[in-house]
Amino acid sequence: MSYFSPEKLFSKISDVAKKAGVKVIYAALLLYYAMFDKEVPMSDKAIVVGALGYFILPLDFIPDFLPGGFVDDAGALVLAVKNIWSNISANTHRQAKAKLNEWFDNINPSDLQLF
C-alpha cells in the first residue's frame, strides 16, 4: 500500500511550500499531474507514486524539520522527474506551472529548471 494520496500531497505542499522552495514544489507538481496523464506508462507512474510518497512521509532520511531537511526530498523528486522526463507532456508542464503560480509570486524562470 502506498503512502501517497492527493490529499496528503496538497496538505504537505501547503504546509511547506515556502520553506521547500519553488524547485521542490514544481518537481512535485510535475509528478502529480503526470500521474493522471493517460499517456504516461504504468512503470513511470510507479516511480511517481514512490517519489511523492517519500515527499509526504513525515519522517524520512533527513527529517524536514531539520535545516536542509528538504534536500533528500528534492533529490527524490528531481530524480523521479528525470526518469520520466520523456513522458511529461506540455500539458503537464502547463498544469504544474499554473498551480505553482497560485502559491508563489514572481517565479523566476530559472527556478523551473530542475536539471
PDB file of N, CA and C in Angstrom:
ATOM      1  N   MET A   1       0.839  -1.175   0.000  1.00  0.00           N
ATOM      2  CA  MET A   1       0.000   0.000   0.000  1.00  0.00           C
ATOM      3  C   MET A   1       0.888   1.243   0.000  1.00  0.00           C
ATOM      4  N   SER A   2       0.538   2.196  -0.809  1.00  0.00           N
ATOM      5  CA  SER A   2       1.312   3.420  -0.950  1.00  0.00           C
ATOM      6  C   SER A   2       0.932   4.433   0.130  1.00  0.00           C
ATOM      7  N   TYR A   3       1.902   5.226   0.533  1.00  0.00           N
ATOM      8  CA  TYR A   3       1.636   6.293   1.489  1.00  0.00           C
ATOM      9  C   TYR A   3       1.054   7.510   0.779  1.00  0.00           C
ATOM     10  N   PHE A   4       1.150   7.534  -0.554  1.00  0.00           N
ATOM     11  CA  PHE A   4       0.708   8.688  -1.335  1.00  0.00           C
ATOM     12  C   PHE A   4      -0.809   8.789  -1.433  1.00  0.00           C
ATOM     13  N   SER A   5      -1.299  10.016  -1.356  1.00  0.00           N
ATOM     14  CA  SER A   5      -2.672  10.342  -1.739  1.00  0.00           C
ATOM     15  C   SER A   5      -2.669  11.815  -2.146  1.00  0.00           C
ATOM     16  N   PRO A   6      -3.543  12.216  -3.070  1.00  0.00           N
ATOM     17  CA  PRO A   6      -3.583  13.632  -3.455  1.00  0.00           C
ATOM     18  C   PRO A   6      -3.822  14.552  -2.260  1.00  0.00           C
ATOM     19  N   GLU A   7      -4.684  14.144  -1.349  1.00  0.00           N
ATOM     20  CA  GLU A   7      -4.971  14.982  -0.182  1.00  0.00           C
ATOM     21  C   GLU A   7      -3.724  15.190   0.673  1.00  0.00           C
ATOM     22  N   LYS A   8      -2.972  14.116   0.903  1.00  0.00           N
ATOM     23  CA  LYS A   8      -1.745  14.228   1.702  1.00  0.00           C
ATOM     24  C   LYS A   8      -0.715  15.096   0.986  1.00  0.00           C
ATOM     25  N   LEU A   9      -0.628  14.950  -0.347  1.00  0.00           N
ATOM     26  CA  LEU A   9       0.339  15.740  -1.108  1.00  0.00           C
ATOM     27  C   LEU A   9       0.026  17.227  -0.989  1.00  0.00           C
ATOM     28  N   PHE A  10      -1.217  17.622  -1.259  1.00  0.00           N
ATOM     29  CA  PHE A  10      -1.549  19.041  -1.228  1.00  0.00           C
ATOM     30  C   PHE A  10      -1.522  19.607   0.188  1.00  0.00           C
ATOM     31  N   SER A  11      -1.799  18.802   1.174  1.00  0.00           N
ATOM     32  CA  SER A  11      -1.648  19.233   2.559  1.00  0.00           C
ATOM     33  C   SER A  11      -0.176  19.502   2.866  1.00  0.00           C
ATOM     34  N   LYS A  12       0.694  18.600   2.446  1.00  0.00           N
ATOM     35  CA  LYS A  12       2.139  18.763   2.665  1.00  0.00           C
ATOM     36  C   LYS A  12       2.630  20.015   1.940  1.00  0.00           C
ATOM     37  N   ILE A  13       2.218  20.185   0.675  1.00  0.00           N
ATOM     38  CA  ILE A  13       2.662  21.345  -0.093  1.00  0.00           C
ATOM     39  C   ILE A  13       2.216  22.633   0.592  1.00  0.00           C
ATOM     40  N   SER A  14       0.975  22.705   1.030  1.00  0.00           N
ATOM     41  CA  SER A  14       0.505  23.935   1.671  1.00  0.00           C
ATOM     42  C   SER A  14       1.262  24.216   2.965  1.00  0.00           C
ATOM     43  N   ASP A  15       1.700  23.173   3.645  1.00  0.00           N
ATOM     44  CA  ASP A  15       2.457  23.345   4.889  1.00  0.00           C
ATOM     45  C   ASP A  15       3.897  23.785   4.657  1.00  0.00           C
ATOM     46  N   VAL A  16       4.507  23.333   3.564  1.00  0.00           N
ATOM     47  CA  VAL A  16       5.953  23.521   3.405  1.00  0.00           C
ATOM     48  C   VAL A  16       6.365  24.298   2.163  1.00  0.00           C
ATOM     49  N   ALA A  17       5.429  24.803   1.382  1.00  0.00           N
ATOM     50  CA  ALA A  17       5.758  25.394   0.085  1.00  0.00           C
ATOM     51  C   ALA A  17       6.862  26.440   0.169  1.00  0.00           C
ATOM     52  N   LYS A  18       6.708  27.398   1.031  1.00  0.00           N
ATOM     53  CA  LYS A  18       7.699  28.484   1.103  1.00  0.00           C
ATOM     54  C   LYS A  18       9.053  27.977   1.592  1.00  0.00           C
ATOM     55  N   LYS A  19       9.038  27.093   2.563  1.00  0.00           N
ATOM     56  CA  LYS A  19      10.291  26.572   3.113  1.00  0.00           C
ATOM     57  C   LYS A  19      11.003  25.655   2.112  1.00  0.00           C
ATOM     58  N   ALA A  20      10.248  24.827   1.413  1.00  0.00           N
ATOM     59  CA  ALA A  20      10.848  23.874   0.471  1.00  0.00           C
ATOM     60  C   ALA A  20      11.350  24.573  -0.782  1.00  0.00           C
ATOM     61  N   GLY A  21      10.635  25.588  -1.231  1.00  0.00           N
ATOM     62  CA  GLY A  21      11.055  26.351  -2.391  1.00  0.00           C
ATOM     63  C   GLY A  21      10.379  25.927  -3.683  1.00  0.00           C
ATOM     64  N   VAL A  22      10.518  26.806  -4.669  1.00  0.00           N
ATOM     65  CA  VAL A  22       9.849  26.638  -5.957  1.00  0.00           C
ATOM     66  C   VAL A  22      10.260  25.350  -6.651  1.00  0.00           C
ATOM     67  N   LYS A  23      11.560  25.057  -6.704  1.00  0.00           N
ATOM     68  CA  LYS A  23      12.019  23.870  -7.438  1.00  0.00           C
ATOM     69  C   LYS A  23      11.423  22.581  -6.883  1.00  0.00           C
ATOM     70  N   VAL A  24      11.417  22.441  -5.585  1.00  0.00           N
ATOM     71  CA  VAL A  24      10.890  21.221  -4.956  1.00  0.00           C
ATOM     72  C   VAL A  24       9.401  21.085  -5.253  1.00  0.00           C
ATOM     73  N   ILE A  25       8.669  22.169  -5.101  1.00  0.00           N
ATOM     74  CA  ILE A  25       7.226  22.117  -5.321  1.00  0.00           C
ATOM     75  C   ILE A  25       6.918  21.907  -6.802  1.00  0.00           C
ATOM     76  N   TYR A  26       7.679  22.543  -7.683  1.00  0.00           N
ATOM     77  CA  TYR A  26       7.467  22.342  -9.124  1.00  0.00           C
ATOM     78  C   TYR A  26       7.694  20.879  -9.501  1.00  0.00           C
ATOM     79  N   ALA A  27       8.746  20.282  -8.982  1.00  0.00           N
ATOM     80  CA  ALA A  27       9.008  18.862  -9.262  1.00  0.00           C
ATOM     81  C   ALA A  27       7.852  17.998  -8.762  1.00  0.00           C
ATOM     82  N   ALA A  28       7.358  18.287  -7.561  1.00  0.00           N
ATOM     83  CA  ALA A  28       6.233  17.519  -7.011  1.00  0.00           C
ATOM     84  C   ALA A  28       4.991  17.677  -7.879  1.00  0.00           C
ATOM     85  N   LEU A  29       4.738  18.888  -8.349  1.00  0.00           N
ATOM     86  CA  LEU A  29       3.558  19.121  -9.184  1.00  0.00           C
ATOM     87  C   LEU A  29       3.684  18.460 -10.549  1.00  0.00           C
ATOM     88  N   LEU A  30       4.874  18.493 -11.139  1.00  0.00           N
ATOM     89  CA  LEU A  30       5.072  17.786 -12.411  1.00  0.00           C
ATOM     90  C   LEU A  30       4.741  16.309 -12.251  1.00  0.00           C
ATOM     91  N   LEU A  31       5.227  15.729 -11.181  1.00  0.00           N
ATOM     92  CA  LEU A  31       4.968  14.309 -10.935  1.00  0.00           C
ATOM     93  C   LEU A  31       3.483  14.063 -10.689  1.00  0.00           C
ATOM     94  N   TYR A  32       2.876  14.912  -9.908  1.00  0.00           N
ATOM     95  CA  TYR A  32       1.460  14.748  -9.596  1.00  0.00           C
ATOM     96  C   TYR A  32       0.613  14.760 -10.870  1.00  0.00           C
ATOM     97  N   TYR A  33       0.809  15.764 -11.709  1.00  0.00           N
ATOM     98  CA  TYR A  33      -0.007  15.855 -12.920  1.00  0.00           C
ATOM     99  C   TYR A  33       0.358  14.774 -13.935  1.00  0.00           C
ATOM    100  N   ALA A  34       1.603  14.355 -13.967  1.00  0.00           N
ATOM    101  CA  ALA A  34       1.995  13.256 -14.862  1.00  0.00           C
ATOM    102  C   ALA A  34       1.280  11.970 -14.476  1.00  0.00           C
ATOM    103  N   MET A  35       1.026  11.796 -13.200  1.00  0.00           N
ATOM    104  CA  MET A  35       0.375  10.579 -12.725  1.00  0.00           C
ATOM    105  C   MET A  35      -1.030  10.421 -13.316  1.00  0.00           C
ATOM    106  N   PHE A  36      -1.674  11.515 -13.648  1.00  0.00           N
ATOM    107  CA  PHE A  36      -3.035  11.465 -14.183  1.00  0.00           C
ATOM    108  C   PHE A  36      -3.081  11.545 -15.709  1.00  0.00           C
ATOM    109  N   ASP A  37      -1.915  11.606 -16.335  1.00  0.00           N
ATOM    110  CA  ASP A  37      -1.831  11.633 -17.797  1.00  0.00           C
ATOM    111  C   ASP A  37      -1.942  10.205 -18.320  1.00  0.00           C
ATOM    112  N   LYS A  38      -2.923   9.959 -19.157  1.00  0.00           N
ATOM    113  CA  LYS A  38      -3.155   8.606 -19.681  1.00  0.00           C
ATOM    114  C   LYS A  38      -2.017   8.104 -20.561  1.00  0.00           C
ATOM    115  N   GLU A  39      -1.195   9.012 -21.064  1.00  0.00           N
ATOM    116  CA  GLU A  39      -0.083   8.623 -21.934  1.00  0.00           C
ATOM    117  C   GLU A  39       1.158   8.178 -21.151  1.00  0.00           C
ATOM    118  N   VAL A  40       1.189   8.453 -19.874  1.00  0.00           N
ATOM    119  CA  VAL A  40       2.346   8.073 -19.049  1.00  0.00           C
ATOM    120  C   VAL A  40       2.219   6.592 -18.694  1.00  0.00           C
ATOM    121  N   PRO A  41       3.261   5.798 -19.003  1.00  0.00           N
ATOM    122  CA  PRO A  41       3.199   4.356 -18.721  1.00  0.00           C
ATOM    123  C   PRO A  41       3.103   4.056 -17.219  1.00  0.00           C
ATOM    124  N   MET A  42       2.523   2.917 -16.921  1.00  0.00           N
ATOM    125  CA  MET A  42       2.365   2.499 -15.520  1.00  0.00           C
ATOM    126  C   MET A  42       3.709   2.398 -14.801  1.00  0.00           C
ATOM    127  N   SER A  43       4.749   1.995 -15.503  1.00  0.00           N
ATOM    128  CA  SER A  43       6.068   1.893 -14.863  1.00  0.00           C
ATOM    129  C   SER A  43       6.542   3.267 -14.388  1.00  0.00           C
ATOM    130  N   ASP A  44       6.251   4.309 -15.170  1.00  0.00           N
ATOM    131  CA  ASP A  44       6.600   5.666 -14.754  1.00  0.00           C
ATOM    132  C   ASP A  44       5.711   6.126 -13.602  1.00  0.00           C
ATOM    133  N   LYS A  45       4.456   5.739 -13.635  1.00  0.00           N
ATOM    134  CA  LYS A  45       3.545   6.123 -12.557  1.00  0.00           C
ATOM    135  C   LYS A  45       3.961   5.485 -11.235  1.00  0.00           C
ATOM    136  N   ALA A  46       4.553   4.305 -11.298  1.00  0.00           N
ATOM    137  CA  ALA A  46       5.065   3.666 -10.075  1.00  0.00           C
ATOM    138  C   ALA A  46       6.206   4.499  -9.488  1.00  0.00           C
ATOM    139  N   ILE A  47       7.067   5.028 -10.349  1.00  0.00           N
ATOM    140  CA  ILE A  47       8.152   5.913  -9.905  1.00  0.00           C
ATOM    141  C   ILE A  47       7.562   7.158  -9.252  1.00  0.00           C
ATOM    142  N   VAL A  48       6.538   7.714  -9.876  1.00  0.00           N
ATOM    143  CA  VAL A  48       5.879   8.918  -9.371  1.00  0.00           C
ATOM    144  C   VAL A  48       5.299   8.681  -7.976  1.00  0.00           C
ATOM    145  N   VAL A  49       4.560   7.601  -7.817  1.00  0.00           N
ATOM    146  CA  VAL A  49       3.936   7.306  -6.522  1.00  0.00           C
ATOM    147  C   VAL A  49       4.997   7.122  -5.439  1.00  0.00           C
ATOM    148  N   GLY A  50       6.087   6.459  -5.781  1.00  0.00           N
ATOM    149  CA  GLY A  50       7.169   6.277  -4.812  1.00  0.00           C
ATOM    150  C   GLY A  50       7.790   7.595  -4.388  1.00  0.00           C
ATOM    151  N   ALA A  51       8.077   8.467  -5.360  1.00  0.00           N
ATOM    152  CA  ALA A  51       8.706   9.754  -5.046  1.00  0.00           C
ATOM    153  C   ALA A  51       7.766  10.661  -4.261  1.00  0.00           C
ATOM    154  N   LEU A  52       6.505  10.723  -4.669  1.00  0.00           N
ATOM    155  CA  LEU A  52       5.550  11.571  -3.945  1.00  0.00           C
ATOM    156  C   LEU A  52       5.257  11.015  -2.555  1.00  0.00           C
ATOM    157  N   GLY A  53       5.212   9.706  -2.444  1.00  0.00           N
ATOM    158  CA  GLY A  53       5.034   9.090  -1.128  1.00  0.00           C
ATOM    159  C   GLY A  53       6.180   9.439  -0.198  1.00  0.00           C
ATOM    160  N   TYR A  54       7.412   9.385  -0.723  1.00  0.00           N
ATOM    161  CA  TYR A  54       8.580   9.749   0.083  1.00  0.00           C
ATOM    162  C   TYR A  54       8.490  11.212   0.513  1.00  0.00           C
ATOM    163  N   PHE A  55       8.092  12.078  -0.415  1.00  0.00           N
ATOM    164  CA  PHE A  55       7.993  13.509  -0.124  1.00  0.00           C
ATOM    165  C   PHE A  55       7.028  13.792   1.021  1.00  0.00           C
ATOM    166  N   ILE A  56       5.907  13.083   1.067  1.00  0.00           N
ATOM    167  CA  ILE A  56       4.913  13.403   2.094  1.00  0.00           C
ATOM    168  C   ILE A  56       5.098  12.631   3.395  1.00  0.00           C
ATOM    169  N   LEU A  57       6.027  11.687   3.421  1.00  0.00           N
ATOM    170  CA  LEU A  57       6.294  10.989   4.685  1.00  0.00           C
ATOM    171  C   LEU A  57       6.721  11.995   5.754  1.00  0.00           C
ATOM    172  N   PRO A  58       6.175  11.911   6.943  1.00  0.00           N
ATOM    173  CA  PRO A  58       6.544  12.864   7.990  1.00  0.00           C
ATOM    174  C   PRO A  58       8.005  12.734   8.429  1.00  0.00           C
ATOM    175  N   LEU A  59       8.514  11.533   8.467  1.00  0.00           N
ATOM    176  CA  LEU A  59       9.924  11.319   8.810  1.00  0.00           C
ATOM    177  C   LEU A  59      10.574  10.541   7.676  1.00  0.00           C
ATOM    178  N   ASP A  60      11.677  11.071   7.198  1.00  0.00           N
ATOM    179  CA  ASP A  60      12.395  10.385   6.133  1.00  0.00           C
ATOM    180  C   ASP A  60      13.889  10.449   6.431  1.00  0.00           C
ATOM    181  N   PHE A  61      14.722  10.235   5.443  1.00  0.00           N
ATOM    182  CA  PHE A  61      16.164  10.149   5.662  1.00  0.00           C
ATOM    183  C   PHE A  61      16.706  11.379   6.387  1.00  0.00           C
ATOM    184  N   ILE A  62      16.319  12.566   5.919  1.00  0.00           N
ATOM    185  CA  ILE A  62      16.655  13.810   6.618  1.00  0.00           C
ATOM    186  C   ILE A  62      15.316  14.444   6.993  1.00  0.00           C
ATOM    187  N   PRO A  63      14.918  14.393   8.256  1.00  0.00           N
ATOM    188  CA  PRO A  63      13.614  14.937   8.648  1.00  0.00           C
ATOM    189  C   PRO A  63      13.457  16.401   8.228  1.00  0.00           C
ATOM    190  N   ASP A  64      12.279  16.738   7.738  1.00  0.00           N
ATOM    191  CA  ASP A  64      12.029  18.057   7.171  1.00  0.00           C
ATOM    192  C   ASP A  64      12.189  19.195   8.169  1.00  0.00           C
ATOM    193  N   PHE A  65      12.049  18.926   9.454  1.00  0.00           N
ATOM    194  CA  PHE A  65      12.166  19.996  10.447  1.00  0.00           C
ATOM    195  C   PHE A  65      13.620  20.407  10.690  1.00  0.00           C
ATOM    196  N   LEU A  66      14.576  19.609  10.224  1.00  0.00           N
ATOM    197  CA  LEU A  66      15.993  19.951  10.373  1.00  0.00           C
ATOM    198  C   LEU A  66      16.427  20.910   9.274  1.00  0.00           C
ATOM    199  N   PRO A  67      17.454  21.738   9.541  1.00  0.00           N
ATOM    200  CA  PRO A  67      18.000  22.565   8.467  1.00  0.00           C
ATOM    201  C   PRO A  67      18.450  21.663   7.311  1.00  0.00           C
ATOM    202  N   GLY A  68      18.083  22.041   6.112  1.00  0.00           N
ATOM    203  CA  GLY A  68      18.420  21.220   4.952  1.00  0.00           C
ATOM    204  C   GLY A  68      17.556  19.982   4.830  1.00  0.00           C
ATOM    205  N   GLY A  69      16.456  19.966   5.561  1.00  0.00           N
ATOM    206  CA  GLY A  69      15.607  18.778   5.608  1.00  0.00           C
ATOM    207  C   GLY A  69      14.899  18.432   4.320  1.00  0.00           C
ATOM    208  N   PHE A  70      14.907  19.341   3.361  1.00  0.00           N
ATOM    209  CA  PHE A  70      14.243  19.056   2.087  1.00  0.00           C
ATOM    210  C   PHE A  70      15.220  18.598   1.013  1.00  0.00           C
ATOM    211  N   VAL A  71      16.488  18.485   1.358  1.00  0.00           N
ATOM    212  CA  VAL A  71      17.486  18.070   0.371  1.00  0.00           C
ATOM    213  C   VAL A  71      17.185  16.670  -0.149  1.00  0.00           C
ATOM    214  N   ASP A  72      16.881  15.746   0.738  1.00  0.00           N
ATOM    215  CA  ASP A  72      16.584  14.384   0.291  1.00  0.00           C
ATOM    216  C   ASP A  72      15.271  14.322  -0.475  1.00  0.00           C
ATOM    217  N   ASP A  73      14.286  15.108  -0.044  1.00  0.00           N
ATOM    218  CA  ASP A  73      13.012  15.160  -0.762  1.00  0.00           C
ATOM    219  C   ASP A  73      13.232  15.701  -2.175  1.00  0.00           C
ATOM    220  N   ALA A  74      13.988  16.801  -2.271  1.00  0.00           N
ATOM    221  CA  ALA A  74      14.274  17.390  -3.578  1.00  0.00           C
ATOM    222  C   ALA A  74      14.991  16.389  -4.466  1.00  0.00           C
ATOM    223  N   GLY A  75      15.957  15.689  -3.911  1.00  0.00           N
ATOM    224  CA  GLY A  75      16.689  14.691  -4.693  1.00  0.00           C
ATOM    225  C   GLY A  75      15.784  13.595  -5.219  1.00  0.00           C
ATOM    226  N   ALA A  76      14.897  13.096  -4.369  1.00  0.00           N
ATOM    227  CA  ALA A  76      13.974  12.033  -4.792  1.00  0.00           C
ATOM    228  C   ALA A  76      13.023  12.533  -5.872  1.00  0.00           C
ATOM    229  N   LEU A  77      12.504  13.739  -5.701  1.00  0.00           N
ATOM    230  CA  LEU A  77      11.564  14.286  -6.675  1.00  0.00           C
ATOM    231  C   LEU A  77      12.233  14.563  -8.014  1.00  0.00           C
ATOM    232  N   VAL A  78      13.392  15.215  -7.978  1.00  0.00           N
ATOM    233  CA  VAL A  78      14.086  15.551  -9.222  1.00  0.00           C
ATOM    234  C   VAL A  78      14.545  14.286  -9.943  1.00  0.00           C
ATOM    235  N   LEU A  79      15.024  13.305  -9.208  1.00  0.00           N
ATOM    236  CA  LEU A  79      15.421  12.037  -9.831  1.00  0.00           C
ATOM    237  C   LEU A  79      14.222  11.373 -10.509  1.00  0.00           C
ATOM    238  N   ALA A  80      13.082  11.406  -9.865  1.00  0.00           N
ATOM    239  CA  ALA A  80      11.873  10.832 -10.466  1.00  0.00           C
ATOM    240  C   ALA A  80      11.478  11.602 -11.726  1.00  0.00           C
ATOM    241  N   VAL A  81      11.521  12.931 -11.666  1.00  0.00           N
ATOM    242  CA  VAL A  81      11.202  13.742 -12.851  1.00  0.00           C
ATOM    243  C   VAL A  81      12.161  13.403 -13.982  1.00  0.00           C
ATOM    244  N   LYS A  82      13.441  13.308 -13.653  1.00  0.00           N
ATOM    245  CA  LYS A  82      14.438  12.993 -14.683  1.00  0.00           C
ATOM    246  C   LYS A  82      14.157  11.629 -15.314  1.00  0.00           C
ATOM    247  N   ASN A  83      13.749  10.665 -14.506  1.00  0.00           N
ATOM    248  CA  ASN A  83      13.476   9.321 -15.019  1.00  0.00           C
ATOM    249  C   ASN A  83      12.256   9.260 -15.929  1.00  0.00           C
ATOM    250  N   ILE A  84      11.291  10.126 -15.707  1.00  0.00           N
ATOM    251  CA  ILE A  84      10.083  10.075 -16.543  1.00  0.00           C
ATOM    252  C   ILE A  84       9.985  11.259 -17.506  1.00  0.00           C
ATOM    253  N   TRP A  85      11.035  12.068 -17.579  1.00  0.00           N
ATOM    254  CA  TRP A  85      11.029  13.323 -18.338  1.00  0.00           C
ATOM    255  C   TRP A  85      10.463  13.171 -19.745  1.00  0.00           C
ATOM    256  N   SER A  86      10.842  12.146 -20.447  1.00  0.00           N
ATOM    257  CA  SER A  86      10.400  11.985 -21.839  1.00  0.00           C
ATOM    258  C   SER A  86       8.894  11.759 -21.943  1.00  0.00           C
ATOM    259  N   ASN A  87       8.244  11.428 -20.855  1.00  0.00           N
ATOM    260  CA  ASN A  87       6.796  11.204 -20.861  1.00  0.00           C
ATOM    261  C   ASN A  87       6.004  12.324 -20.186  1.00  0.00           C
ATOM    262  N   ILE A  88       6.682  13.403 -19.827  1.00  0.00           N
ATOM    263  CA  ILE A  88       5.978  14.550 -19.242  1.00  0.00           C
ATOM    264  C   ILE A  88       5.558  15.463 -20.390  1.00  0.00           C
ATOM    265  N   SER A  89       4.265  15.613 -20.566  1.00  0.00           N
ATOM    266  CA  SER A  89       3.715  16.368 -21.697  1.00  0.00           C
ATOM    267  C   SER A  89       3.746  17.875 -21.451  1.00  0.00           C
ATOM    268  N   ALA A  90       3.560  18.622 -22.540  1.00  0.00           N
ATOM    269  CA  ALA A  90       3.464  20.079 -22.437  1.00  0.00           C
ATOM    270  C   ALA A  90       2.274  20.466 -21.562  1.00  0.00           C
ATOM    271  N   ASN A  91       1.192  19.715 -21.650  1.00  0.00           N
ATOM    272  CA  ASN A  91       0.019  19.995 -20.819  1.00  0.00           C
ATOM    273  C   ASN A  91       0.339  19.807 -19.334  1.00  0.00           C
ATOM    274  N   THR A  92       1.107  18.780 -19.010  1.00  0.00           N
ATOM    275  CA  THR A  92       1.514  18.553 -17.621  1.00  0.00           C
ATOM    276  C   THR A  92       2.345  19.727 -17.118  1.00  0.00           C
ATOM    277  N   HIS A  93       3.254  20.223 -17.954  1.00  0.00           N
ATOM    278  CA  HIS A  93       4.052  21.402 -17.580  1.00  0.00           C
ATOM    279  C   HIS A  93       3.136  22.601 -17.325  1.00  0.00           C
ATOM    280  N   ARG A  94       2.156  22.815 -18.206  1.00  0.00           N
ATOM    281  CA  ARG A  94       1.227  23.942 -18.035  1.00  0.00           C
ATOM    282  C   ARG A  94       0.438  23.820 -16.730  1.00  0.00           C
ATOM    283  N   GLN A  95      -0.057  22.622 -16.447  1.00  0.00           N
ATOM    284  CA  GLN A  95      -0.823  22.416 -15.213  1.00  0.00           C
ATOM    285  C   GLN A  95       0.034  22.690 -13.977  1.00  0.00           C
ATOM    286  N   ALA A  96       1.252  22.181 -13.984  1.00  0.00           N
ATOM    287  CA  ALA A  96       2.149  22.373 -12.838  1.00  0.00           C
ATOM    288  C   ALA A  96       2.487  23.850 -12.651  1.00  0.00           C
ATOM    289  N   LYS A  97       2.765  24.547 -13.749  1.00  0.00           N
ATOM    290  CA  LYS A  97       3.089  25.979 -13.653  1.00  0.00           C
ATOM    291  C   LYS A  97       1.891  26.787 -13.162  1.00  0.00           C
ATOM    292  N   ALA A  98       0.705  26.442 -13.637  1.00  0.00           N
ATOM    293  CA  ALA A  98      -0.497  27.165 -13.202  1.00  0.00           C
ATOM    294  C   ALA A  98      -0.711  26.998 -11.698  1.00  0.00           C
ATOM    295  N   LYS A  99      -0.572  25.787 -11.205  1.00  0.00           N
ATOM    296  CA  LYS A  99      -0.743  25.538  -9.766  1.00  0.00           C
ATOM    297  C   LYS A  99       0.362  26.227  -8.975  1.00  0.00           C
ATOM    298  N   LEU A 100       1.581  26.183  -9.488  1.00  0.00           N
ATOM    299  CA  LEU A 100       2.717  26.821  -8.828  1.00  0.00           C
ATOM    300  C   LEU A 100       2.466  28.322  -8.663  1.00  0.00           C
ATOM    301  N   ASN A 101       1.878  28.941  -9.690  1.00  0.00           N
ATOM    302  CA  ASN A 101       1.588  30.377  -9.636  1.00  0.00           C
ATOM    303  C   ASN A 101       0.536  30.726  -8.593  1.00  0.00           C
ATOM    304  N   GLU A 102      -0.241  29.753  -8.139  1.00  0.00           N
ATOM    305  CA  GLU A 102      -1.197  30.006  -7.062  1.00  0.00           C
ATOM    306  C   GLU A 102      -0.487  30.156  -5.713  1.00  0.00           C
ATOM    307  N   TRP A 103       0.681  29.540  -5.581  1.00  0.00           N
ATOM    308  CA  TRP A 103       1.395  29.539  -4.294  1.00  0.00           C
ATOM    309  C   TRP A 103       2.576  30.499  -4.231  1.00  0.00           C
ATOM    310  N   PHE A 104       3.143  30.829  -5.377  1.00  0.00           N
ATOM    311  CA  PHE A 104       4.342  31.668  -5.401  1.00  0.00           C
ATOM    312  C   PHE A 104       4.126  32.871  -6.311  1.00  0.00           C
ATOM    313  N   ASP A 105       4.629  34.027  -5.883  1.00  0.00           N
ATOM    314  CA  ASP A 105       4.607  35.232  -6.703  1.00  0.00           C
ATOM    315  C   ASP A 105       5.951  35.388  -7.395  1.00  0.00           C
ATOM    316  N   ASN A 106       5.931  35.986  -8.570  1.00  0.00           N
ATOM    317  CA  ASN A 106       7.160  36.341  -9.287  1.00  0.00           C
ATOM    318  C   ASN A 106       8.138  35.178  -9.401  1.00  0.00           C
ATOM    319  N   ILE A 107       7.722  34.115 -10.025  1.00  0.00           N
ATOM    320  CA  ILE A 107       8.587  32.945 -10.192  1.00  0.00           C
ATOM    321  C   ILE A 107       9.643  33.240 -11.245  1.00  0.00           C
ATOM    322  N   ASN A 108      10.882  33.027 -10.875  1.00  0.00           N
ATOM    323  CA  ASN A 108      11.998  33.191 -11.793  1.00  0.00           C
ATOM    324  C   ASN A 108      12.050  31.964 -12.701  1.00  0.00           C
ATOM    325  N   PRO A 109      12.108  32.157 -14.032  1.00  0.00           N
ATOM    326  CA  PRO A 109      12.160  31.000 -14.934  1.00  0.00           C
ATOM    327  C   PRO A 109      13.294  30.020 -14.613  1.00  0.00           C
ATOM    328  N   SER A 110      14.381  30.502 -14.041  1.00  0.00           N
ATOM    329  CA  SER A 110      15.480  29.592 -13.689  1.00  0.00           C
ATOM    330  C   SER A 110      15.071  28.635 -12.569  1.00  0.00           C
ATOM    331  N   ASP A 111      14.058  29.011 -11.786  1.00  0.00           N
ATOM    332  CA  ASP A 111      13.566  28.118 -10.733  1.00  0.00           C
ATOM    333  C   ASP A 111      12.848  26.902 -11.300  1.00  0.00           C
ATOM    334  N   LEU A 112      12.477  26.966 -12.568  1.00  0.00           N
ATOM    335  CA  LEU A 112      11.764  25.861 -13.195  1.00  0.00           C
ATOM    336  C   LEU A 112      12.706  24.914 -13.927  1.00  0.00           C
ATOM    337  N   GLN A 113      13.992  25.214 -13.894  1.00  0.00           N
ATOM    338  CA  GLN A 113      14.997  24.323 -14.488  1.00  0.00           C
ATOM    339  C   GLN A 113      15.459  23.362 -13.400  1.00  0.00           C
ATOM    340  N   LEU A 114      15.028  22.124 -13.509  1.00  0.00           N
ATOM    341  CA  LEU A 114      15.300  21.157 -12.447  1.00  0.00           C
ATOM    342  C   LEU A 114      16.636  20.447 -12.608  1.00  0.00           C
ATOM    343  N   PHE A 115      17.135  20.358 -13.833  1.00  0.00           N
ATOM    344  CA  PHE A 115      18.425  19.700 -14.080  1.00  0.00           C
ATOM    345  C   PHE A 115      19.001  20.192 -15.373  1.00  0.00           C
TER     346      PHE A 115
END
